[in-house]
Amino acid sequence: MNSRRTFVKSAALLSAGVLLSPELLASSQKGIGLQLYTVRDAMQQDPAATLARVAKLGYTCMEGATYTGNQKFYGMDPAAFAKVLKQNGLKMPSSHYLLGEQENNGQPTQGTILHGWDKAVDDAARVGIKYMVCAWLTESERGNLEHYKLLAERLNKAGERCKKAGIQMAYHNHDFEFAAQNGQLPYDVLLKETDKNLVQMELDLYWATKAGHDPVELFKQNPGRFPLWHVKDMDKTPQQNFTEVGNGSIDFKRIFAQAKLAGLKHFFVEQDQTTGSPFDSIQQSITHIKRNLI
């Protein structure tokens, strides 16, 4: 028999017109995530205080945004960083990494998919990371369709190394992957040429939408391939700028209703740019998510 508290909560959800699928409920119980790029300046200045502030707002899952160069997490070795997370009741199930094809001052950048990946994977395992995500391609790293096929090979190889450590490799999109070349989308090339058991996708809902693609259709075409989402909204101006979740034009209720189809495990609020304090923005976003989406 359901407890009174469970009954009241269920009734509230139904009255709001929201009925969570078991998959979305399970995802929400893992915690609402934040991509730390949103508060990057604060993380650079004082990562411990920033994580404490983020936790106070109600976020419990972090996605890292920096592990290159010094091969540390925000200036900390894996053990020290894991300790700070634990002290604030936080977990970091996912983190972003660079490809590393482009050199830095003529030198390869360590802690990237192409340079120092073994150490990156080992460090990720020590922090408890379960998804290592290729975050971004520089313009020189994009190239033609053949270059994207090479990228797929590299992602597969990186995914094999991740798998040995119990970690899943993934790829995070922007909009350039949806720019057709010779009638083909680079994103489709990546989906086709990567092994779905080795490389899954983190779908950035904003960038896919801005590129003119419906996230739900992507889920239908590639069911179970999108365990990670970036949840960011698009304002209603002609510029289609970033905005707080719930303030823009993206129909998140429709997208969240397809969590099972997507294979959703974790979602992360991200807002690349804010007009005011990023902490005010992420507070607005989490309030909307709690009230309207989960």
Protein backbone atom coordinates (compact mmCIF):
# COMPACT_ATOMS: atom_id res chain seq x y z
CA MET A 1 0.00 0.00 0.00
CA ASN A 2 1.29 3.43 -0.90
CA SER A 3 2.11 5.75 1.93
CA ARG A 4 0.17 8.98 2.26
CA ARG A 5 3.26 10.92 1.19
CA THR A 6 3.62 8.85 -1.99
CA PHE A 7 -0.08 9.25 -2.73
CA VAL A 8 0.04 13.01 -2.30
CA LYS A 9 3.10 13.29 -4.52
CA SER A 10 1.50 11.13 -7.20
CA ALA A 11 -1.69 13.13 -7.08
CA ALA A 12 0.26 16.35 -7.45
CA LEU A 13 2.02 15.03 -10.52
CA LEU A 14 -1.22 13.90 -12.08
CA SER A 15 -2.93 17.20 -11.38
CA ALA A 16 -0.07 18.96 -13.11
CA GLY A 17 -0.56 16.76 -16.15
CA VAL A 18 2.77 14.99 -15.65
CA LEU A 19 3.16 11.22 -15.46
CA LEU A 20 6.74 10.11 -15.18
CA SER A 21 7.91 7.01 -16.97
CA PRO A 22 9.90 4.61 -14.77
CA GLU A 23 13.01 5.54 -16.76
CA LEU A 24 12.60 9.27 -16.26
CA LEU A 25 11.74 8.75 -12.60
CA ALA A 26 14.89 6.67 -12.17
CA SER A 27 16.95 9.35 -13.91
CA SER A 28 15.50 12.11 -11.76
CA GLN A 29 16.17 10.12 -8.60
CA LYS A 30 19.84 9.98 -9.58
CA GLY A 31 19.76 13.74 -9.29
CA ILE A 32 19.52 16.83 -11.44
CA GLY A 33 22.83 17.47 -13.13
CA LEU A 34 24.82 20.57 -13.96
CA GLN A 35 27.49 20.94 -16.63
CA LEU A 36 30.19 22.87 -14.80
CA TYR A 37 31.07 24.90 -17.89
CA THR A 38 28.07 27.05 -16.89
CA VAL A 39 29.95 28.22 -13.77
CA ARG A 40 33.44 27.97 -15.29
CA ASP A 41 34.73 31.32 -14.03
CA ALA A 42 33.76 30.53 -10.45
CA MET A 43 35.22 27.02 -10.74
CA GLN A 44 38.51 28.51 -11.86
CA GLN A 45 38.62 30.92 -8.93
CA ASP A 46 37.42 28.64 -6.11
CA PRO A 47 36.20 25.18 -7.14
CA ALA A 48 35.43 23.95 -3.62
CA ALA A 49 33.26 26.96 -2.75
CA THR A 50 31.56 26.80 -6.15
CA LEU A 51 30.65 23.13 -5.75
CA ALA A 52 29.26 23.86 -2.30
CA ARG A 53 27.12 26.68 -3.72
CA VAL A 54 25.87 24.51 -6.58
CA ALA A 55 24.95 21.73 -4.16
CA LYS A 56 23.01 24.18 -2.02
CA LEU A 57 20.86 25.03 -5.07
CA GLY A 58 19.82 21.38 -5.32
CA TYR A 59 22.10 19.98 -8.00
CA THR A 60 23.58 16.60 -7.08
CA CYS A 61 25.25 15.39 -10.28
CA MET A 62 28.08 17.25 -11.93
CA GLU A 63 29.53 16.97 -15.40
CA GLY A 64 33.13 18.08 -15.59
CA ALA A 65 34.33 20.53 -18.22
CA THR A 66 38.09 20.54 -17.81
CA TYR A 67 40.70 17.81 -17.89
CA THR A 68 43.52 18.87 -20.18
CA GLY A 69 47.00 20.25 -19.88
CA ASN A 70 47.81 19.57 -16.25
CA GLN A 71 45.66 16.42 -16.27
CA LYS A 72 43.88 17.41 -13.11
CA PHE A 73 40.28 18.13 -12.18
CA TYR A 74 40.04 21.86 -11.58
CA GLY A 75 43.60 21.89 -10.27
CA MET A 76 43.10 18.85 -8.03
CA ASP A 77 44.31 15.29 -8.38
CA PRO A 78 41.57 12.64 -8.57
CA ALA A 79 41.60 11.77 -4.87
CA ALA A 80 41.40 15.38 -3.72
CA PHE A 81 38.66 16.22 -6.19
CA ALA A 82 36.64 13.12 -5.27
CA LYS A 83 36.90 14.18 -1.62
CA VAL A 84 35.50 17.66 -2.35
CA LEU A 85 32.61 16.11 -4.28
CA LYS A 86 31.82 13.75 -1.43
CA GLN A 87 31.98 16.52 1.17
CA ASN A 88 29.21 18.30 -0.72
CA GLY A 89 27.06 15.24 -1.39
CA LEU A 90 27.89 15.37 -5.08
CA LYS A 91 28.73 12.81 -7.74
CA MET A 92 30.28 13.34 -11.13
CA PRO A 93 29.01 10.57 -13.42
CA SER A 94 30.21 12.30 -16.58
CA SER A 95 33.03 14.53 -17.76
CA HIS A 96 34.08 16.24 -20.99
CA TYR A 97 37.33 15.72 -22.88
CA LEU A 98 38.95 17.11 -26.01
CA LEU A 99 40.00 15.15 -29.07
CA GLY A 100 43.54 16.54 -29.01
CA GLU A 101 44.22 16.60 -32.73
CA GLN A 102 44.98 20.32 -32.58
CA GLU A 103 48.26 21.09 -30.87
CA ASN A 104 48.84 23.73 -28.23
CA ASN A 105 51.89 25.91 -28.97
CA GLY A 106 53.25 23.16 -31.17
CA GLN A 107 52.85 20.51 -28.49
CA PRO A 108 50.21 17.79 -28.14
CA THR A 109 47.66 18.47 -25.43
CA GLN A 110 47.73 15.77 -22.79
CA GLY A 111 44.61 14.38 -21.15
CA THR A 112 42.87 14.16 -24.51
CA ILE A 113 41.53 11.27 -26.58
CA LEU A 114 44.67 11.21 -28.71
CA HIS A 115 47.26 12.02 -26.05
CA GLY A 116 47.43 10.63 -22.54
CA TRP A 117 44.11 8.80 -22.76
CA ASP A 118 45.20 5.88 -20.59
CA LYS A 119 45.91 8.20 -17.68
CA ALA A 120 42.71 10.13 -18.33
CA VAL A 121 40.67 6.95 -18.12
CA ASP A 122 42.42 5.79 -14.95
CA ASP A 123 41.89 9.20 -13.33
CA ALA A 124 38.24 9.21 -14.36
CA ALA A 125 37.73 5.83 -12.74
CA ARG A 126 39.25 7.13 -9.50
CA VAL A 127 36.71 9.97 -9.41
CA GLY A 128 33.81 7.63 -10.16
CA ILE A 129 33.11 8.92 -13.67
CA LYS A 130 30.97 6.56 -15.76
CA TYR A 131 30.85 8.53 -19.04
CA MET A 132 33.81 10.14 -20.78
CA VAL A 133 32.49 12.49 -23.44
CA CYS A 134 34.18 13.99 -26.48
CA ALA A 135 33.03 17.54 -25.93
CA TRP A 136 34.00 19.65 -28.91
CA LEU A 137 35.84 19.68 -32.20
CA THR A 138 37.90 22.65 -33.25
CA GLU A 139 37.38 23.82 -36.83
CA SER A 140 40.52 22.01 -37.96
CA GLU A 141 39.31 18.80 -36.33
CA ARG A 142 36.00 18.73 -38.23
CA GLY A 143 37.00 18.47 -41.87
CA ASN A 144 35.15 16.44 -44.48
CA LEU A 145 33.13 13.24 -44.18
CA GLU A 146 36.25 11.09 -44.42
CA HIS A 147 37.69 12.98 -41.49
CA TYR A 148 34.52 12.25 -39.50
CA LYS A 149 34.98 8.55 -40.34
CA LEU A 150 38.50 8.80 -38.93
CA LEU A 151 37.02 10.46 -35.84
CA ALA A 152 34.62 7.54 -35.49
CA GLU A 153 37.55 5.10 -35.57
CA ARG A 154 39.29 7.09 -32.89
CA LEU A 155 36.17 7.20 -30.73
CA ASN A 156 35.75 3.44 -31.07
CA LYS A 157 39.34 2.90 -29.97
CA ALA A 158 38.91 5.30 -27.05
CA GLY A 159 35.68 3.51 -26.18
CA GLU A 160 37.47 0.17 -26.02
CA ARG A 161 39.88 1.59 -23.46
CA CYS A 162 37.00 3.08 -21.48
CA LYS A 163 35.13 -0.23 -21.47
CA LYS A 164 38.06 -1.96 -19.79
CA ALA A 165 37.65 0.49 -16.91
CA GLY A 166 33.87 0.13 -16.73
CA ILE A 167 33.32 3.50 -18.39
CA GLN A 168 31.20 4.42 -21.42
CA MET A 169 32.55 6.66 -24.19
CA ALA A 170 30.16 9.25 -25.63
CA TYR A 171 30.06 12.15 -28.07
CA HIS A 172 28.53 15.58 -27.44
CA ASN A 173 27.19 17.53 -30.41
CA HIS A 174 26.96 21.17 -31.36
CA ASP A 175 25.26 22.31 -34.55
CA PHE A 176 28.10 21.90 -37.05
CA GLU A 177 27.64 18.11 -37.12
CA PHE A 178 24.25 18.73 -38.73
CA ALA A 179 25.60 20.76 -41.65
CA ALA A 180 25.21 18.56 -44.72
CA GLN A 181 28.22 17.59 -46.82
CA ASN A 182 27.52 15.96 -50.17
CA GLY A 183 24.02 15.16 -49.01
CA GLN A 184 25.16 13.54 -45.76
CA LEU A 185 25.23 14.75 -42.19
CA PRO A 186 28.48 14.30 -40.25
CA TYR A 187 26.30 13.38 -37.25
CA ASP A 188 24.80 10.48 -39.20
CA VAL A 189 28.30 9.37 -40.15
CA LEU A 190 29.28 9.30 -36.48
CA LEU A 191 26.16 7.36 -35.55
CA LYS A 192 26.75 4.82 -38.31
CA GLU A 193 30.51 4.42 -38.05
CA THR A 194 30.80 4.17 -34.27
CA ASP A 195 29.99 0.95 -32.43
CA LYS A 196 26.94 1.69 -30.29
CA ASN A 197 28.33 -0.55 -27.56
CA LEU A 198 31.51 1.51 -27.42
CA VAL A 199 30.29 5.02 -28.24
CA GLN A 200 26.98 6.50 -27.20
CA MET A 201 25.67 10.04 -27.61
CA GLU A 202 25.15 13.00 -25.33
CA LEU A 203 22.49 14.98 -27.14
CA ASP A 204 22.61 18.72 -26.65
CA LEU A 205 18.94 19.56 -27.02
CA TYR A 206 19.61 23.21 -27.78
CA TRP A 207 22.16 22.68 -30.54
CA ALA A 208 20.19 19.89 -32.22
CA THR A 209 17.07 22.05 -32.20
CA LYS A 210 18.94 25.10 -33.47
CA ALA A 211 20.29 23.01 -36.33
CA GLY A 212 16.70 22.19 -37.31
CA HIS A 213 16.52 18.64 -35.97
CA ASP A 214 13.87 17.26 -33.65
CA PRO A 215 15.41 15.40 -30.69
CA VAL A 216 12.43 13.05 -30.54
CA GLU A 217 12.96 12.04 -34.17
CA LEU A 218 16.62 11.37 -33.39
CA PHE A 219 15.50 9.11 -30.54
CA LYS A 220 13.13 7.25 -32.86
CA GLN A 221 15.84 6.73 -35.47
CA ASN A 222 18.44 5.63 -32.91
CA PRO A 223 16.61 4.22 -29.87
CA GLY A 224 18.64 3.80 -26.73
CA ARG A 225 21.64 5.69 -28.09
CA PHE A 226 21.24 8.87 -25.99
CA PRO A 227 21.90 8.14 -22.29
CA LEU A 228 23.02 11.73 -21.67
CA TRP A 229 21.31 15.03 -22.46
CA HIS A 230 22.26 18.66 -22.17
CA VAL A 231 19.18 20.58 -21.12
CA LYS A 232 19.41 24.20 -22.22
CA ASP A 233 16.74 26.46 -23.64
CA MET A 234 16.60 28.76 -26.68
CA ASP A 235 15.14 32.22 -26.31
CA LYS A 236 12.42 33.47 -28.64
CA THR A 237 14.44 36.21 -30.28
CA PRO A 238 15.70 35.97 -33.88
CA GLN A 239 19.19 35.38 -32.46
CA GLN A 240 18.01 32.21 -30.65
CA ASN A 241 20.29 32.88 -27.70
CA PHE A 242 20.79 30.63 -24.69
CA THR A 243 18.32 31.12 -21.88
CA GLU A 244 17.16 29.51 -18.65
CA VAL A 245 15.18 26.28 -18.93
CA GLY A 246 11.50 27.16 -19.24
CA ASN A 247 12.09 30.68 -20.55
CA GLY A 248 12.47 29.73 -24.18
CA SER A 249 10.93 27.87 -27.08
CA ILE A 250 12.04 24.25 -26.61
CA ASP A 251 9.22 21.86 -25.65
CA PHE A 252 10.97 19.96 -22.90
CA LYS A 253 7.85 18.14 -21.71
CA ARG A 254 7.52 16.50 -25.13
CA ILE A 255 11.20 15.55 -25.13
CA PHE A 256 11.28 14.28 -21.54
CA ALA A 257 8.27 12.09 -22.30
CA GLN A 258 10.57 10.09 -24.59
CA ALA A 259 13.23 9.37 -21.96
CA LYS A 260 12.78 5.61 -22.30
CA LEU A 261 13.09 5.72 -26.07
CA ALA A 262 16.28 7.76 -25.80
CA GLY A 263 17.79 5.52 -23.15
CA LEU A 264 18.25 8.46 -20.77
CA LYS A 265 20.44 7.91 -17.71
CA HIS A 266 21.54 11.44 -16.76
CA PHE A 267 20.71 14.97 -17.86
CA PHE A 268 22.69 18.13 -17.21
CA VAL A 269 21.56 21.73 -17.20
CA GLU A 270 23.93 23.88 -19.22
CA GLN A 271 23.82 27.54 -20.18
CA ASP A 272 26.89 28.60 -22.12
CA GLN A 273 26.24 32.30 -21.57
CA THR A 274 24.07 34.17 -19.08
CA THR A 275 23.02 37.81 -19.02
CA GLY A 276 23.53 38.00 -15.26
CA SER A 277 24.94 35.72 -12.59
CA PRO A 278 25.14 32.11 -13.78
CA PHE A 279 24.05 31.05 -10.30
CA ASP A 280 20.79 32.97 -10.71
CA SER A 281 20.29 31.29 -14.07
CA ILE A 282 20.89 27.75 -12.85
CA GLN A 283 18.58 28.40 -9.90
CA GLN A 284 15.81 29.43 -12.31
CA SER A 285 16.44 26.35 -14.43
CA ILE A 286 16.36 23.84 -11.60
CA THR A 287 13.23 25.41 -10.16
CA HIS A 288 11.45 25.02 -13.50
CA ILE A 289 12.66 21.44 -13.91
CA LYS A 290 11.44 20.41 -10.47
CA ARG A 291 8.08 22.08 -10.94
CA ASN A 292 7.35 21.06 -14.49
CA LEU A 293 9.51 18.22 -15.80
CA ILE A 294 10.23 15.70 -13.03
